[in-house]
Amino acid sequence: MASRVPDNRGNGASGKSVGRRGFALGLRNPDYRSVLFSDHHSGFRDLAASPTGDTPRHIQVMAQLLEPFAGSAAFALAVTLREEFGSLSKAMAAPADRLRKAAAGFGDACELLIAARTLAEATRSEIIAGSPVNPKDPALLEYLRAKLVTGTACRAQERLLVIFCDDAGQYILDEEMGWGTADTVRLDSVHLFRRALSLEASSILLAHNHPSGDCSPSRQDIDATRQLATMGQTLGLEFIDHLIVTGSKAYSMRSGGLM
């Protein structure tokens, strides 16, 4: 985790209270306004390597999951789902209505996939909530992809997720706070900092997706992140990192020396 910014809030309950009042007053500054992120990259290379695609073994695992309800047709159904959605991971993340349509005639098998997805999402959330937020943690990257790239909602648009953390860097909660177009997303910075105040958060991690599949940061991404980090430092709030994620890769702006 990145080193913490100087803490000007003091020690003890009274010091923290004074710091929080200053935090709130700081939000009246007209400089705290919306910031824009975009998918127009600047040529930076991806940070994380791309995993391999589906293999016959992956299809067989999916078939084994489907077999109790699809019987001898389980393997063919797994292949059909992969062809329909492009990959097994995208099939597992597809909206329920599309999944039911693609698995026509195998309704029970479809409901099993939906239940398995729900269980996997709950497990990922539990893992993230039980440990300090670390931008290099593979479990965190998997969680972010599930939320921003391969989740049940349409991921054709940029979305921005904010993870709020306590004094020890432990997860408090995460919220989507920015929605946009296929190549831009706007964040209301006043809303972000007020939410951090209400949660008594001490640090924040930002993450947003690039629907293009290129996780390189754009000039707007860099400028907006630096602007937010400067605001946060003024308010005694650390920005741990800003991660840009795609279906197979991720870029850390902290590791890239951009914040």
C-alpha atoms as a PDB file:
ATOM      1  CA  MET A   1       0.000   0.000   0.000  1.00  0.00           C
ATOM      2  CA  ALA A   2       1.229   3.497  -0.711  1.00  0.00           C
ATOM      3  CA  SER A   3       2.655   5.604   2.093  1.00  0.00           C
ATOM      4  CA  ARG A   4       0.069   7.700   3.857  1.00  0.00           C
ATOM      5  CA  VAL A   5      -0.158  11.446   3.422  1.00  0.00           C
ATOM      6  CA  PRO A   6       0.593  13.522   6.517  1.00  0.00           C
ATOM      7  CA  ASP A   7      -2.304  13.298   8.938  1.00  0.00           C
ATOM      8  CA  ASN A   8      -3.345  16.762  10.048  1.00  0.00           C
ATOM      9  CA  ARG A   9      -6.364  15.604  11.984  1.00  0.00           C
ATOM     10  CA  GLY A  10      -4.621  15.115  15.282  1.00  0.00           C
ATOM     11  CA  ASN A  11      -4.816  12.218  17.725  1.00  0.00           C
ATOM     12  CA  GLY A  12      -7.690  11.189  19.909  1.00  0.00           C
ATOM     13  CA  ALA A  13     -11.403  11.861  19.647  1.00  0.00           C
ATOM     14  CA  SER A  14     -11.129  15.638  19.998  1.00  0.00           C
ATOM     15  CA  GLY A  15      -8.396  15.932  17.353  1.00  0.00           C
ATOM     16  CA  LYS A  16     -10.350  13.780  14.936  1.00  0.00           C
ATOM     17  CA  SER A  17     -13.474  15.860  15.508  1.00  0.00           C
ATOM     18  CA  VAL A  18     -11.606  19.072  14.738  1.00  0.00           C
ATOM     19  CA  GLY A  19     -10.128  17.484  11.631  1.00  0.00           C
ATOM     20  CA  ARG A  20     -13.510  16.351  10.426  1.00  0.00           C
ATOM     21  CA  ARG A  21     -14.938  19.848  10.825  1.00  0.00           C
ATOM     22  CA  GLY A  22     -12.092  21.141   8.694  1.00  0.00           C
ATOM     23  CA  PHE A  23     -12.779  18.361   6.215  1.00  0.00           C
ATOM     24  CA  ALA A  24     -16.392  19.512   5.916  1.00  0.00           C
ATOM     25  CA  LEU A  25     -15.482  23.182   5.628  1.00  0.00           C
ATOM     26  CA  GLY A  26     -13.006  22.343   2.890  1.00  0.00           C
ATOM     27  CA  LEU A  27     -15.828  21.101   0.690  1.00  0.00           C
ATOM     28  CA  ARG A  28     -17.068  24.677   0.357  1.00  0.00           C
ATOM     29  CA  ASN A  29     -14.001  25.401  -1.774  1.00  0.00           C
ATOM     30  CA  PRO A  30     -15.174  26.093  -5.348  1.00  0.00           C
ATOM     31  CA  ASP A  31     -12.264  24.015  -6.665  1.00  0.00           C
ATOM     32  CA  TYR A  32     -14.128  20.851  -5.614  1.00  0.00           C
ATOM     33  CA  ARG A  33     -16.112  20.163  -8.743  1.00  0.00           C
ATOM     34  CA  SER A  34     -16.724  17.356 -11.189  1.00  0.00           C
ATOM     35  CA  VAL A  35     -13.780  15.684 -12.878  1.00  0.00           C
ATOM     36  CA  LEU A  36     -13.683  13.746 -16.134  1.00  0.00           C
ATOM     37  CA  PHE A  37     -12.008  10.426 -16.946  1.00  0.00           C
ATOM     38  CA  SER A  38     -11.791   9.081 -20.497  1.00  0.00           C
ATOM     39  CA  ASP A  39     -10.830   6.001 -22.509  1.00  0.00           C
ATOM     40  CA  HIS A  40      -8.585   7.976 -24.878  1.00  0.00           C
ATOM     41  CA  HIS A  41      -5.297   6.469 -23.735  1.00  0.00           C
ATOM     42  CA  SER A  42      -1.843   8.007 -23.749  1.00  0.00           C
ATOM     43  CA  GLY A  43       0.177   4.984 -24.843  1.00  0.00           C
ATOM     44  CA  PHE A  44       1.068   3.548 -21.431  1.00  0.00           C
ATOM     45  CA  ARG A  45       1.453  -0.223 -21.301  1.00  0.00           C
ATOM     46  CA  ASP A  46      -0.812  -2.535 -19.366  1.00  0.00           C
ATOM     47  CA  LEU A  47       0.358  -3.540 -15.909  1.00  0.00           C
ATOM     48  CA  ALA A  48      -1.067  -7.047 -15.557  1.00  0.00           C
ATOM     49  CA  ALA A  49      -0.624  -9.879 -18.031  1.00  0.00           C
ATOM     50  CA  SER A  50      -3.562 -11.296 -19.924  1.00  0.00           C
ATOM     51  CA  PRO A  51      -4.768 -14.700 -18.766  1.00  0.00           C
ATOM     52  CA  THR A  52      -5.305 -17.536 -21.205  1.00  0.00           C
ATOM     53  CA  GLY A  53      -8.722 -18.005 -22.783  1.00  0.00           C
ATOM     54  CA  ASP A  54     -11.161 -20.855 -22.378  1.00  0.00           C
ATOM     55  CA  THR A  55      -9.699 -24.333 -22.796  1.00  0.00           C
ATOM     56  CA  PRO A  56     -11.381 -27.733 -23.195  1.00  0.00           C
ATOM     57  CA  ARG A  57     -10.719 -28.204 -19.481  1.00  0.00           C
ATOM     58  CA  HIS A  58     -12.672 -25.048 -18.645  1.00  0.00           C
ATOM     59  CA  ILE A  59     -15.566 -26.199 -20.801  1.00  0.00           C
ATOM     60  CA  GLN A  60     -15.498 -29.579 -19.085  1.00  0.00           C
ATOM     61  CA  VAL A  61     -15.672 -27.906 -15.653  1.00  0.00           C
ATOM     62  CA  MET A  62     -18.694 -25.903 -16.804  1.00  0.00           C
ATOM     63  CA  ALA A  63     -20.254 -29.087 -18.171  1.00  0.00           C
ATOM     64  CA  GLN A  64     -19.767 -30.825 -14.828  1.00  0.00           C
ATOM     65  CA  LEU A  65     -21.567 -27.958 -13.120  1.00  0.00           C
ATOM     66  CA  LEU A  66     -24.463 -28.198 -15.583  1.00  0.00           C
ATOM     67  CA  GLU A  67     -24.678 -31.990 -15.686  1.00  0.00           C
ATOM     68  CA  PRO A  68     -27.145 -32.492 -12.774  1.00  0.00           C
ATOM     69  CA  PHE A  69     -29.777 -30.588 -14.777  1.00  0.00           C
ATOM     70  CA  ALA A  70     -28.587 -30.900 -18.394  1.00  0.00           C
ATOM     71  CA  GLY A  71     -27.473 -34.547 -18.327  1.00  0.00           C
ATOM     72  CA  SER A  72     -25.704 -35.755 -21.461  1.00  0.00           C
ATOM     73  CA  ALA A  73     -26.310 -32.374 -23.115  1.00  0.00           C
ATOM     74  CA  ALA A  74     -24.181 -30.559 -20.504  1.00  0.00           C
ATOM     75  CA  PHE A  75     -21.027 -30.311 -22.616  1.00  0.00           C
ATOM     76  CA  ALA A  76     -22.922 -29.096 -25.682  1.00  0.00           C
ATOM     77  CA  LEU A  77     -24.729 -26.543 -23.514  1.00  0.00           C
ATOM     78  CA  ALA A  78     -21.405 -25.251 -22.153  1.00  0.00           C
ATOM     79  CA  VAL A  79     -20.090 -24.858 -25.712  1.00  0.00           C
ATOM     80  CA  THR A  80     -23.297 -23.069 -26.735  1.00  0.00           C
ATOM     81  CA  LEU A  81     -22.986 -20.591 -23.874  1.00  0.00           C
ATOM     82  CA  ARG A  82     -19.365 -19.887 -24.711  1.00  0.00           C
ATOM     83  CA  GLU A  83     -20.217 -19.251 -28.355  1.00  0.00           C
ATOM     84  CA  GLU A  84     -23.197 -17.073 -27.454  1.00  0.00           C
ATOM     85  CA  PHE A  85     -21.319 -14.798 -25.040  1.00  0.00           C
ATOM     86  CA  GLY A  86     -17.748 -15.040 -26.290  1.00  0.00           C
ATOM     87  CA  SER A  87     -16.300 -16.757 -23.218  1.00  0.00           C
ATOM     88  CA  LEU A  88     -17.423 -18.789 -20.240  1.00  0.00           C
ATOM     89  CA  SER A  89     -16.644 -15.925 -17.868  1.00  0.00           C
ATOM     90  CA  LYS A  90     -18.915 -13.611 -19.867  1.00  0.00           C
ATOM     91  CA  ALA A  91     -21.608 -16.287 -19.885  1.00  0.00           C
ATOM     92  CA  MET A  92     -21.395 -16.549 -16.098  1.00  0.00           C
ATOM     93  CA  ALA A  93     -21.732 -12.756 -15.845  1.00  0.00           C
ATOM     94  CA  ALA A  94     -24.508 -12.336 -18.432  1.00  0.00           C
ATOM     95  CA  PRO A  95     -27.851 -10.815 -17.442  1.00  0.00           C
ATOM     96  CA  ALA A  96     -30.244 -13.500 -16.250  1.00  0.00           C
ATOM     97  CA  ASP A  97     -32.744 -12.956 -19.079  1.00  0.00           C
ATOM     98  CA  ARG A  98     -30.064 -13.377 -21.767  1.00  0.00           C
ATOM     99  CA  LEU A  99     -28.688 -16.431 -20.022  1.00  0.00           C
ATOM    100  CA  ARG A 100     -32.144 -18.030 -19.849  1.00  0.00           C
ATOM    101  CA  LYS A 101     -32.715 -17.320 -23.533  1.00  0.00           C
ATOM    102  CA  ALA A 102     -29.357 -18.812 -24.553  1.00  0.00           C
ATOM    103  CA  ALA A 103     -29.976 -21.899 -22.414  1.00  0.00           C
ATOM    104  CA  ALA A 104     -33.464 -22.463 -23.817  1.00  0.00           C
ATOM    105  CA  GLY A 105     -34.851 -25.802 -22.678  1.00  0.00           C
ATOM    106  CA  PHE A 106     -32.466 -25.997 -19.731  1.00  0.00           C
ATOM    107  CA  GLY A 107     -34.080 -23.608 -17.277  1.00  0.00           C
ATOM    108  CA  ASP A 108     -32.916 -25.462 -14.170  1.00  0.00           C
ATOM    109  CA  ALA A 109     -29.325 -25.513 -15.401  1.00  0.00           C
ATOM    110  CA  CYS A 110     -29.547 -21.777 -16.037  1.00  0.00           C
ATOM    111  CA  GLU A 111     -30.831 -21.123 -12.507  1.00  0.00           C
ATOM    112  CA  LEU A 112     -27.899 -23.152 -11.177  1.00  0.00           C
ATOM    113  CA  LEU A 113     -25.447 -20.868 -13.002  1.00  0.00           C
ATOM    114  CA  ILE A 114     -27.155 -17.787 -11.599  1.00  0.00           C
ATOM    115  CA  ALA A 115     -26.998 -19.234  -8.076  1.00  0.00           C
ATOM    116  CA  ALA A 116     -23.303 -20.103  -8.541  1.00  0.00           C
ATOM    117  CA  ARG A 117     -22.614 -16.553  -9.688  1.00  0.00           C
ATOM    118  CA  THR A 118     -24.387 -15.091  -6.668  1.00  0.00           C
ATOM    119  CA  LEU A 119     -22.352 -17.308  -4.368  1.00  0.00           C
ATOM    120  CA  ALA A 120     -19.094 -16.326  -6.090  1.00  0.00           C
ATOM    121  CA  GLU A 121     -19.927 -12.615  -5.769  1.00  0.00           C
ATOM    122  CA  ALA A 122     -20.685 -13.030  -2.059  1.00  0.00           C
ATOM    123  CA  THR A 123     -17.407 -14.879  -1.556  1.00  0.00           C
ATOM    124  CA  ARG A 124     -15.390 -12.180  -3.310  1.00  0.00           C
ATOM    125  CA  SER A 125     -17.041  -9.474  -1.213  1.00  0.00           C
ATOM    126  CA  GLU A 126     -16.276 -11.377   1.976  1.00  0.00           C
ATOM    127  CA  ILE A 127     -12.599 -11.759   1.031  1.00  0.00           C
ATOM    128  CA  ILE A 128     -12.206  -8.054   0.245  1.00  0.00           C
ATOM    129  CA  ALA A 129     -13.986  -6.985   3.421  1.00  0.00           C
ATOM    130  CA  GLY A 130     -11.757  -9.163   5.581  1.00  0.00           C
ATOM    131  CA  SER A 131      -8.336  -7.729   4.681  1.00  0.00           C
ATOM    132  CA  PRO A 132      -6.555  -4.397   4.051  1.00  0.00           C
ATOM    133  CA  VAL A 133      -7.160  -2.979   0.587  1.00  0.00           C
ATOM    134  CA  ASN A 134      -4.058  -3.706  -1.493  1.00  0.00           C
ATOM    135  CA  PRO A 135      -3.998  -2.627  -5.174  1.00  0.00           C
ATOM    136  CA  LYS A 136      -1.699  -5.562  -6.002  1.00  0.00           C
ATOM    137  CA  ASP A 137      -3.979  -8.175  -4.455  1.00  0.00           C
ATOM    138  CA  PRO A 138      -5.251 -10.527  -7.208  1.00  0.00           C
ATOM    139  CA  ALA A 139      -8.464 -11.018  -5.227  1.00  0.00           C
ATOM    140  CA  LEU A 140      -9.107  -7.270  -5.363  1.00  0.00           C
ATOM    141  CA  LEU A 141      -8.513  -7.168  -9.123  1.00  0.00           C
ATOM    142  CA  GLU A 142     -10.915 -10.066  -9.585  1.00  0.00           C
ATOM    143  CA  TYR A 143     -13.486  -8.255  -7.470  1.00  0.00           C
ATOM    144  CA  LEU A 144     -13.111  -5.069  -9.508  1.00  0.00           C
ATOM    145  CA  ARG A 145     -13.507  -6.927 -12.786  1.00  0.00           C
ATOM    146  CA  ALA A 146     -16.658  -8.583 -11.481  1.00  0.00           C
ATOM    147  CA  LYS A 147     -18.062  -5.177 -10.495  1.00  0.00           C
ATOM    148  CA  LEU A 148     -16.947  -3.113 -13.483  1.00  0.00           C
ATOM    149  CA  VAL A 149     -16.328  -5.407 -16.438  1.00  0.00           C
ATOM    150  CA  THR A 150     -18.103  -8.759 -16.236  1.00  0.00           C
ATOM    151  CA  GLY A 151     -20.922  -8.006 -13.802  1.00  0.00           C
ATOM    152  CA  THR A 152     -24.589  -8.527 -14.474  1.00  0.00           C
ATOM    153  CA  ALA A 153     -25.172  -4.957 -15.675  1.00  0.00           C
ATOM    154  CA  CYS A 154     -24.176  -3.766 -19.125  1.00  0.00           C
ATOM    155  CA  ARG A 155     -20.459  -2.916 -19.215  1.00  0.00           C
ATOM    156  CA  ALA A 156     -20.443  -1.068 -22.551  1.00  0.00           C
ATOM    157  CA  GLN A 157     -20.069   2.187 -20.619  1.00  0.00           C
ATOM    158  CA  GLU A 158     -17.331   3.489 -18.376  1.00  0.00           C
ATOM    159  CA  ARG A 159     -18.095   3.187 -14.677  1.00  0.00           C
ATOM    160  CA  LEU A 160     -16.128   4.357 -11.680  1.00  0.00           C
ATOM    161  CA  LEU A 161     -16.036   2.493  -8.371  1.00  0.00           C
ATOM    162  CA  VAL A 162     -14.846   4.022  -5.095  1.00  0.00           C
ATOM    163  CA  ILE A 163     -13.603   1.843  -2.227  1.00  0.00           C
ATOM    164  CA  PHE A 164     -13.635   3.613   1.142  1.00  0.00           C
ATOM    165  CA  CYS A 165     -11.186   2.478   3.840  1.00  0.00           C
ATOM    166  CA  ASP A 166     -10.627   3.200   7.526  1.00  0.00           C
ATOM    167  CA  ASP A 167      -7.519   4.359   9.404  1.00  0.00           C
ATOM    168  CA  ALA A 168      -5.946   0.905   9.084  1.00  0.00           C
ATOM    169  CA  GLY A 169      -6.638   0.669   5.358  1.00  0.00           C
ATOM    170  CA  GLN A 170      -9.432  -1.823   5.963  1.00  0.00           C
ATOM    171  CA  TYR A 171     -12.399  -1.946   3.586  1.00  0.00           C
ATOM    172  CA  ILE A 172     -15.506  -0.057   4.758  1.00  0.00           C
ATOM    173  CA  LEU A 173     -17.629  -0.331   1.610  1.00  0.00           C
ATOM    174  CA  ASP A 174     -17.562   0.394  -2.098  1.00  0.00           C
ATOM    175  CA  GLU A 175     -19.956   2.384  -4.261  1.00  0.00           C
ATOM    176  CA  GLU A 176     -20.275   3.185  -7.949  1.00  0.00           C
ATOM    177  CA  MET A 177     -20.042   6.946  -8.124  1.00  0.00           C
ATOM    178  CA  GLY A 178     -19.485   7.617 -11.809  1.00  0.00           C
ATOM    179  CA  TRP A 179     -21.357   6.531 -14.935  1.00  0.00           C
ATOM    180  CA  GLY A 180     -20.724   7.700 -18.446  1.00  0.00           C
ATOM    181  CA  THR A 181     -20.440   6.810 -22.110  1.00  0.00           C
ATOM    182  CA  ALA A 182     -18.349   4.249 -23.953  1.00  0.00           C
ATOM    183  CA  ASP A 183     -15.254   6.411 -23.518  1.00  0.00           C
ATOM    184  CA  THR A 184     -15.840   8.916 -20.694  1.00  0.00           C
ATOM    185  CA  VAL A 185     -17.049   8.947 -17.099  1.00  0.00           C
ATOM    186  CA  ARG A 186     -17.661  11.942 -14.847  1.00  0.00           C
ATOM    187  CA  LEU A 187     -17.302  12.002 -11.072  1.00  0.00           C
ATOM    188  CA  ASP A 188     -18.891  14.557  -8.750  1.00  0.00           C
ATOM    189  CA  SER A 189     -15.948  15.230  -6.445  1.00  0.00           C
ATOM    190  CA  VAL A 190     -18.064  17.041  -3.845  1.00  0.00           C
ATOM    191  CA  HIS A 191     -20.298  13.992  -3.534  1.00  0.00           C
ATOM    192  CA  LEU A 192     -17.208  11.768  -3.244  1.00  0.00           C
ATOM    193  CA  PHE A 193     -15.677  13.745  -0.381  1.00  0.00           C
ATOM    194  CA  ARG A 194     -18.961  14.199   1.446  1.00  0.00           C
ATOM    195  CA  ARG A 195     -19.520  10.459   1.282  1.00  0.00           C
ATOM    196  CA  ALA A 196     -16.028   9.863   2.664  1.00  0.00           C
ATOM    197  CA  LEU A 197     -16.827  12.248   5.503  1.00  0.00           C
ATOM    198  CA  SER A 198     -20.085  10.508   6.347  1.00  0.00           C
ATOM    199  CA  LEU A 199     -18.300   7.140   6.489  1.00  0.00           C
ATOM    200  CA  GLU A 200     -15.358   8.546   8.488  1.00  0.00           C
ATOM    201  CA  ALA A 201     -13.068   7.128   5.814  1.00  0.00           C
ATOM    202  CA  SER A 202      -9.360   7.877   5.913  1.00  0.00           C
ATOM    203  CA  SER A 203      -8.358   6.572   2.509  1.00  0.00           C
ATOM    204  CA  ILE A 204      -9.863   5.830  -0.897  1.00  0.00           C
ATOM    205  CA  LEU A 205      -9.102   3.608  -3.841  1.00  0.00           C
ATOM    206  CA  LEU A 206     -10.540   4.515  -7.239  1.00  0.00           C
ATOM    207  CA  ALA A 207     -11.149   2.059 -10.061  1.00  0.00           C
ATOM    208  CA  HIS A 208     -12.799   2.466 -13.430  1.00  0.00           C
ATOM    209  CA  ASN A 209     -13.126   0.349 -16.562  1.00  0.00           C
ATOM    210  CA  HIS A 210     -12.123   1.013 -20.161  1.00  0.00           C
ATOM    211  CA  PRO A 211     -14.678  -0.687 -22.462  1.00  0.00           C
ATOM    212  CA  SER A 212     -12.171  -0.475 -25.316  1.00  0.00           C
ATOM    213  CA  GLY A 213     -10.099  -3.197 -23.638  1.00  0.00           C
ATOM    214  CA  ASP A 214      -7.038  -0.929 -23.374  1.00  0.00           C
ATOM    215  CA  CYS A 215      -6.311  -0.111 -19.742  1.00  0.00           C
ATOM    216  CA  SER A 216      -3.717   2.570 -20.523  1.00  0.00           C
ATOM    217  CA  PRO A 217      -4.560   5.864 -18.768  1.00  0.00           C
ATOM    218  CA  SER A 218      -5.679   8.817 -20.833  1.00  0.00           C
ATOM    219  CA  ARG A 219      -4.489  12.366 -20.257  1.00  0.00           C
ATOM    220  CA  GLN A 220      -7.865  13.084 -18.658  1.00  0.00           C
ATOM    221  CA  ASP A 221      -7.438  10.076 -16.348  1.00  0.00           C
ATOM    222  CA  ILE A 222      -4.064  11.360 -15.175  1.00  0.00           C
ATOM    223  CA  ASP A 223      -5.146  14.976 -14.715  1.00  0.00           C
ATOM    224  CA  ALA A 224      -8.382  14.096 -12.907  1.00  0.00           C
ATOM    225  CA  THR A 225      -6.642  11.641 -10.581  1.00  0.00           C
ATOM    226  CA  ARG A 226      -3.963  14.135  -9.627  1.00  0.00           C
ATOM    227  CA  GLN A 227      -6.593  16.782  -9.025  1.00  0.00           C
ATOM    228  CA  LEU A 228      -8.541  14.483  -6.720  1.00  0.00           C
ATOM    229  CA  ALA A 229      -5.404  13.364  -4.873  1.00  0.00           C
ATOM    230  CA  THR A 230      -4.468  17.002  -4.228  1.00  0.00           C
ATOM    231  CA  MET A 231      -7.954  17.729  -2.916  1.00  0.00           C
ATOM    232  CA  GLY A 232      -7.795  14.666  -0.719  1.00  0.00           C
ATOM    233  CA  GLN A 233      -4.429  15.635   0.757  1.00  0.00           C
ATOM    234  CA  THR A 234      -5.809  19.048   1.654  1.00  0.00           C
ATOM    235  CA  LEU A 235      -8.667  17.326   3.456  1.00  0.00           C
ATOM    236  CA  GLY A 236      -6.495  14.706   5.156  1.00  0.00           C
ATOM    237  CA  LEU A 237      -7.740  11.905   2.912  1.00  0.00           C
ATOM    238  CA  GLU A 238      -5.288   9.515   1.243  1.00  0.00           C
ATOM    239  CA  PHE A 239      -5.757   8.219  -2.294  1.00  0.00           C
ATOM    240  CA  ILE A 240      -4.299   4.713  -2.225  1.00  0.00           C
ATOM    241  CA  ASP A 241      -4.343   4.178  -5.975  1.00  0.00           C
ATOM    242  CA  HIS A 242      -6.395   4.505  -9.126  1.00  0.00           C
ATOM    243  CA  LEU A 243      -6.770   1.256 -11.052  1.00  0.00           C
ATOM    244  CA  ILE A 244      -7.958   1.061 -14.653  1.00  0.00           C
ATOM    245  CA  VAL A 245      -9.346  -2.390 -15.393  1.00  0.00           C
ATOM    246  CA  THR A 246     -10.407  -4.353 -18.437  1.00  0.00           C
ATOM    247  CA  GLY A 247     -11.518  -7.933 -18.854  1.00  0.00           C
ATOM    248  CA  SER A 248      -7.972  -9.275 -18.814  1.00  0.00           C
ATOM    249  CA  LYS A 249      -5.635  -6.514 -17.631  1.00  0.00           C
ATOM    250  CA  ALA A 250      -5.228  -3.713 -15.110  1.00  0.00           C
ATOM    251  CA  TYR A 251      -3.132  -0.562 -14.797  1.00  0.00           C
ATOM    252  CA  SER A 252      -2.046   0.960 -11.478  1.00  0.00           C
ATOM    253  CA  MET A 253      -1.536   4.694 -11.675  1.00  0.00           C
ATOM    254  CA  ARG A 254       0.407   4.580  -8.406  1.00  0.00           C
ATOM    255  CA  SER A 255       2.820   1.945  -9.709  1.00  0.00           C
ATOM    256  CA  GLY A 256       3.086   3.852 -12.980  1.00  0.00           C
ATOM    257  CA  GLY A 257       4.299   6.944 -11.096  1.00  0.00           C
ATOM    258  CA  LEU A 258       1.302   8.999 -12.196  1.00  0.00           C
ATOM    259  CA  MET A 259       0.055  10.018  -8.753  1.00  0.00           C
END
